[in-house]
Amino acid sequence: MEGFYGTVSLQADEKGRYRIPSKYRSKFGEGKIFYMKNASDYLSIISEDKAKEIQEKLCKKIGLSENMITFAARQIYSNINEIKEDGQGRFTLPSELKATLGIGKEVVFVGMGNKIEIWGKAKWEEENEKFNDNMSYDAIIAQLGEEITF
């Protein structure tokens, strides 16, 4: 099965650096890796191919005049940044971004098929608690719109 699956909990090192877990890192290959802030409490980590796919789709939609698509594209482009890993595969995130998202020393990497999410551990636990309180298997199936067996 290709793609990103499962969760991995990690801690930042003493200098606040993170490392993409090896079970995920190897699936990115040799290309660049990007993080993307969105409207949720996590960062999406995407491959260079996925970033190019987003760029190609957006470029086809952006017009010469200001409109909602241009505004949306601006928000998306301004929130995609390359992850700069050091020689040991460690990277840092801007402190204001970490503060906004509640990302601290303890983080959880979540495989989501074609991307990884990075959550602050407390936010991840809060999200899971909300999910467990409000969702059932039947509700999940209704959201997906088809039968999935486990």
C-alpha atoms as a PDB file:
ATOM      1  CA  MET A   1       0.000   0.000   0.000  1.00  0.00           C
ATOM      2  CA  GLU A   2       1.535   3.288  -1.088  1.00  0.00           C
ATOM      3  CA  GLY A   3       1.033   6.604   0.608  1.00  0.00           C
ATOM      4  CA  PHE A   4       1.212   7.856   4.167  1.00  0.00           C
ATOM      5  CA  TYR A   5      -0.632   6.002   6.950  1.00  0.00           C
ATOM      6  CA  GLY A   6      -0.597   5.711  10.728  1.00  0.00           C
ATOM      7  CA  THR A   7       0.607   8.079  13.421  1.00  0.00           C
ATOM      8  CA  VAL A   8       3.978   8.754  14.993  1.00  0.00           C
ATOM      9  CA  SER A   9       4.510  10.803  18.157  1.00  0.00           C
ATOM     10  CA  LEU A  10       7.840  12.593  18.483  1.00  0.00           C
ATOM     11  CA  GLN A  11       9.507  15.282  20.519  1.00  0.00           C
ATOM     12  CA  ALA A  12      11.519  18.201  19.238  1.00  0.00           C
ATOM     13  CA  ASP A  13      15.170  18.158  20.219  1.00  0.00           C
ATOM     14  CA  GLU A  14      16.664  20.656  22.674  1.00  0.00           C
ATOM     15  CA  LYS A  15      16.933  23.266  19.876  1.00  0.00           C
ATOM     16  CA  GLY A  16      13.289  22.858  18.834  1.00  0.00           C
ATOM     17  CA  ARG A  17      14.049  20.855  15.691  1.00  0.00           C
ATOM     18  CA  TYR A  18      11.764  18.170  14.334  1.00  0.00           C
ATOM     19  CA  ARG A  19      12.441  15.229  12.079  1.00  0.00           C
ATOM     20  CA  ILE A  20      10.003  13.662   9.635  1.00  0.00           C
ATOM     21  CA  PRO A  21       9.607  10.065  10.845  1.00  0.00           C
ATOM     22  CA  SER A  22      11.549   7.588   8.720  1.00  0.00           C
ATOM     23  CA  LYS A  23       8.401   5.606   7.850  1.00  0.00           C
ATOM     24  CA  TYR A  24       7.191   8.743   6.045  1.00  0.00           C
ATOM     25  CA  ARG A  25      10.488  10.327   4.984  1.00  0.00           C
ATOM     26  CA  SER A  26      11.461   7.460   2.701  1.00  0.00           C
ATOM     27  CA  LYS A  27       8.204   7.822   0.739  1.00  0.00           C
ATOM     28  CA  PHE A  28       9.062  11.413  -0.237  1.00  0.00           C
ATOM     29  CA  GLY A  29      12.091  10.267  -2.215  1.00  0.00           C
ATOM     30  CA  GLU A  30      14.764  12.775  -3.145  1.00  0.00           C
ATOM     31  CA  GLY A  31      12.511  15.734  -3.997  1.00  0.00           C
ATOM     32  CA  LYS A  32      11.863  18.796  -1.889  1.00  0.00           C
ATOM     33  CA  ILE A  33       9.288  18.706   0.893  1.00  0.00           C
ATOM     34  CA  PHE A  34       6.900  21.519   1.735  1.00  0.00           C
ATOM     35  CA  TYR A  35       4.644  22.444   4.610  1.00  0.00           C
ATOM     36  CA  MET A  36       1.359  24.191   4.061  1.00  0.00           C
ATOM     37  CA  LYS A  37      -0.619  26.112   6.652  1.00  0.00           C
ATOM     38  CA  ASN A  38      -4.350  25.935   6.180  1.00  0.00           C
ATOM     39  CA  ALA A  39      -7.412  26.982   8.161  1.00  0.00           C
ATOM     40  CA  SER A  40      -7.074  24.085  10.618  1.00  0.00           C
ATOM     41  CA  ASP A  41      -4.907  23.434  13.677  1.00  0.00           C
ATOM     42  CA  TYR A  42      -2.237  21.440  11.846  1.00  0.00           C
ATOM     43  CA  LEU A  43       0.285  21.739   9.039  1.00  0.00           C
ATOM     44  CA  SER A  44       0.089  19.652   5.901  1.00  0.00           C
ATOM     45  CA  ILE A  45       3.411  18.241   4.734  1.00  0.00           C
ATOM     46  CA  ILE A  46       3.445  17.568   1.013  1.00  0.00           C
ATOM     47  CA  SER A  47       5.858  16.315  -1.625  1.00  0.00           C
ATOM     48  CA  GLU A  48       7.354  18.428  -4.370  1.00  0.00           C
ATOM     49  CA  ASP A  49       5.074  16.630  -6.843  1.00  0.00           C
ATOM     50  CA  LYS A  50       1.988  17.550  -4.808  1.00  0.00           C
ATOM     51  CA  ALA A  51       3.163  21.180  -4.559  1.00  0.00           C
ATOM     52  CA  LYS A  52       3.616  21.264  -8.334  1.00  0.00           C
ATOM     53  CA  GLU A  53       0.145  19.766  -8.811  1.00  0.00           C
ATOM     54  CA  ILE A  54      -1.352  22.517  -6.625  1.00  0.00           C
ATOM     55  CA  GLN A  55       0.577  25.158  -8.585  1.00  0.00           C
ATOM     56  CA  GLU A  56      -0.561  23.818 -11.956  1.00  0.00           C
ATOM     57  CA  LYS A  57      -4.215  23.737 -10.877  1.00  0.00           C
ATOM     58  CA  LEU A  58      -4.074  27.225  -9.393  1.00  0.00           C
ATOM     59  CA  CYS A  59      -2.285  28.749 -12.391  1.00  0.00           C
ATOM     60  CA  LYS A  60      -5.100  27.601 -14.655  1.00  0.00           C
ATOM     61  CA  LYS A  61      -7.660  29.339 -12.429  1.00  0.00           C
ATOM     62  CA  ILE A  62      -5.978  32.671 -11.733  1.00  0.00           C
ATOM     63  CA  GLY A  63      -7.200  35.504 -13.913  1.00  0.00           C
ATOM     64  CA  LEU A  64      -5.619  38.849 -14.670  1.00  0.00           C
ATOM     65  CA  SER A  65      -8.043  40.744 -12.459  1.00  0.00           C
ATOM     66  CA  GLU A  66      -8.735  40.513  -8.762  1.00  0.00           C
ATOM     67  CA  ASN A  67     -11.436  37.997  -7.889  1.00  0.00           C
ATOM     68  CA  MET A  68     -12.143  35.358  -5.257  1.00  0.00           C
ATOM     69  CA  ILE A  69     -10.014  32.764  -7.040  1.00  0.00           C
ATOM     70  CA  THR A  70      -7.051  35.154  -7.101  1.00  0.00           C
ATOM     71  CA  PHE A  71      -7.566  35.886  -3.411  1.00  0.00           C
ATOM     72  CA  ALA A  72      -7.762  32.160  -2.572  1.00  0.00           C
ATOM     73  CA  ALA A  73      -4.666  31.396  -4.659  1.00  0.00           C
ATOM     74  CA  ARG A  74      -2.756  34.167  -2.887  1.00  0.00           C
ATOM     75  CA  GLN A  75      -3.645  32.650   0.479  1.00  0.00           C
ATOM     76  CA  ILE A  76      -2.587  29.184  -0.636  1.00  0.00           C
ATOM     77  CA  TYR A  77       0.702  30.291  -2.231  1.00  0.00           C
ATOM     78  CA  SER A  78       1.648  32.478   0.721  1.00  0.00           C
ATOM     79  CA  ASN A  79       1.198  29.559   3.105  1.00  0.00           C
ATOM     80  CA  ILE A  80       3.354  26.985   1.281  1.00  0.00           C
ATOM     81  CA  ASN A  81       6.992  26.883   2.381  1.00  0.00           C
ATOM     82  CA  GLU A  82       9.843  24.515   1.701  1.00  0.00           C
ATOM     83  CA  ILE A  83      11.091  22.459   4.630  1.00  0.00           C
ATOM     84  CA  LYS A  84      14.818  23.039   4.912  1.00  0.00           C
ATOM     85  CA  GLU A  85      16.359  19.956   6.493  1.00  0.00           C
ATOM     86  CA  ASP A  86      19.877  19.946   7.877  1.00  0.00           C
ATOM     87  CA  GLY A  87      22.356  17.146   7.184  1.00  0.00           C
ATOM     88  CA  GLN A  88      20.654  14.957   9.788  1.00  0.00           C
ATOM     89  CA  GLY A  89      17.129  15.500   8.472  1.00  0.00           C
ATOM     90  CA  ARG A  90      16.070  17.976  11.163  1.00  0.00           C
ATOM     91  CA  PHE A  91      14.046  21.111  10.478  1.00  0.00           C
ATOM     92  CA  THR A  92      12.555  24.019  12.376  1.00  0.00           C
ATOM     93  CA  LEU A  93       9.270  25.838  12.052  1.00  0.00           C
ATOM     94  CA  PRO A  94       8.740  29.569  12.596  1.00  0.00           C
ATOM     95  CA  SER A  95       7.904  30.272  16.251  1.00  0.00           C
ATOM     96  CA  GLU A  96       4.839  32.385  15.410  1.00  0.00           C
ATOM     97  CA  LEU A  97       3.454  29.525  13.300  1.00  0.00           C
ATOM     98  CA  LYS A  98       4.026  27.020  16.103  1.00  0.00           C
ATOM     99  CA  ALA A  99       2.319  29.343  18.584  1.00  0.00           C
ATOM    100  CA  THR A 100      -0.698  29.837  16.301  1.00  0.00           C
ATOM    101  CA  LEU A 101      -1.137  26.085  15.778  1.00  0.00           C
ATOM    102  CA  GLY A 102      -0.255  24.930  19.279  1.00  0.00           C
ATOM    103  CA  ILE A 103       2.777  23.014  18.037  1.00  0.00           C
ATOM    104  CA  GLY A 104       5.306  22.624  20.821  1.00  0.00           C
ATOM    105  CA  LYS A 105       7.903  20.114  21.904  1.00  0.00           C
ATOM    106  CA  GLU A 106       5.572  17.123  21.519  1.00  0.00           C
ATOM    107  CA  VAL A 107       4.080  16.571  18.073  1.00  0.00           C
ATOM    108  CA  VAL A 108       2.102  13.915  16.258  1.00  0.00           C
ATOM    109  CA  PHE A 109       2.646  13.105  12.590  1.00  0.00           C
ATOM    110  CA  VAL A 110      -0.490  11.697  10.961  1.00  0.00           C
ATOM    111  CA  GLY A 111      -0.397   9.897   7.614  1.00  0.00           C
ATOM    112  CA  MET A 112      -3.290  10.992   5.411  1.00  0.00           C
ATOM    113  CA  GLY A 113      -2.712   9.067   2.179  1.00  0.00           C
ATOM    114  CA  ASN A 114      -1.209  11.755  -0.071  1.00  0.00           C
ATOM    115  CA  LYS A 115       0.098  14.029   2.696  1.00  0.00           C
ATOM    116  CA  ILE A 116       1.221  14.076   6.300  1.00  0.00           C
ATOM    117  CA  GLU A 117      -0.247  16.273   8.982  1.00  0.00           C
ATOM    118  CA  ILE A 118       1.802  17.585  11.879  1.00  0.00           C
ATOM    119  CA  TRP A 119      -0.182  18.391  15.005  1.00  0.00           C
ATOM    120  CA  GLY A 120       0.743  19.686  18.424  1.00  0.00           C
ATOM    121  CA  LYS A 121       0.160  16.707  20.720  1.00  0.00           C
ATOM    122  CA  ALA A 122      -2.430  18.500  22.881  1.00  0.00           C
ATOM    123  CA  LYS A 123      -4.380  19.672  19.797  1.00  0.00           C
ATOM    124  CA  TRP A 124      -4.277  16.134  18.360  1.00  0.00           C
ATOM    125  CA  GLU A 125      -5.642  14.673  21.592  1.00  0.00           C
ATOM    126  CA  GLU A 126      -8.344  17.369  21.706  1.00  0.00           C
ATOM    127  CA  GLU A 127      -9.325  16.619  18.101  1.00  0.00           C
ATOM    128  CA  ASN A 128      -9.560  12.892  18.817  1.00  0.00           C
ATOM    129  CA  GLU A 129     -11.661  13.545  21.896  1.00  0.00           C
ATOM    130  CA  LYS A 130     -14.105  15.671  19.859  1.00  0.00           C
ATOM    131  CA  PHE A 131     -14.236  12.970  17.210  1.00  0.00           C
ATOM    132  CA  ASN A 132     -14.880  10.197  19.714  1.00  0.00           C
ATOM    133  CA  ASP A 133     -17.589  12.248  21.419  1.00  0.00           C
ATOM    134  CA  ASN A 134     -19.395  13.232  18.227  1.00  0.00           C
ATOM    135  CA  MET A 135     -18.879  10.532  15.611  1.00  0.00           C
ATOM    136  CA  SER A 136     -19.833   6.938  15.224  1.00  0.00           C
ATOM    137  CA  TYR A 137     -18.961   4.346  12.617  1.00  0.00           C
ATOM    138  CA  ASP A 138     -22.328   4.980  10.926  1.00  0.00           C
ATOM    139  CA  ALA A 139     -21.671   8.735  10.825  1.00  0.00           C
ATOM    140  CA  ILE A 140     -18.259   8.161   9.238  1.00  0.00           C
ATOM    141  CA  ILE A 141     -19.780   5.926   6.556  1.00  0.00           C
ATOM    142  CA  ALA A 142     -22.486   8.533   5.901  1.00  0.00           C
ATOM    143  CA  GLN A 143     -19.783  11.203   5.439  1.00  0.00           C
ATOM    144  CA  LEU A 144     -17.844   8.989   3.039  1.00  0.00           C
ATOM    145  CA  GLY A 145     -20.982   8.130   1.117  1.00  0.00           C
ATOM    146  CA  GLU A 146     -20.155   4.458   0.641  1.00  0.00           C
ATOM    147  CA  GLU A 147     -19.649   1.245   2.514  1.00  0.00           C
ATOM    148  CA  ILE A 148     -16.150   0.651   3.791  1.00  0.00           C
ATOM    149  CA  THR A 149     -15.373  -2.450   5.781  1.00  0.00           C
ATOM    150  CA  PHE A 150     -12.591  -2.697   8.331  1.00  0.00           C
END
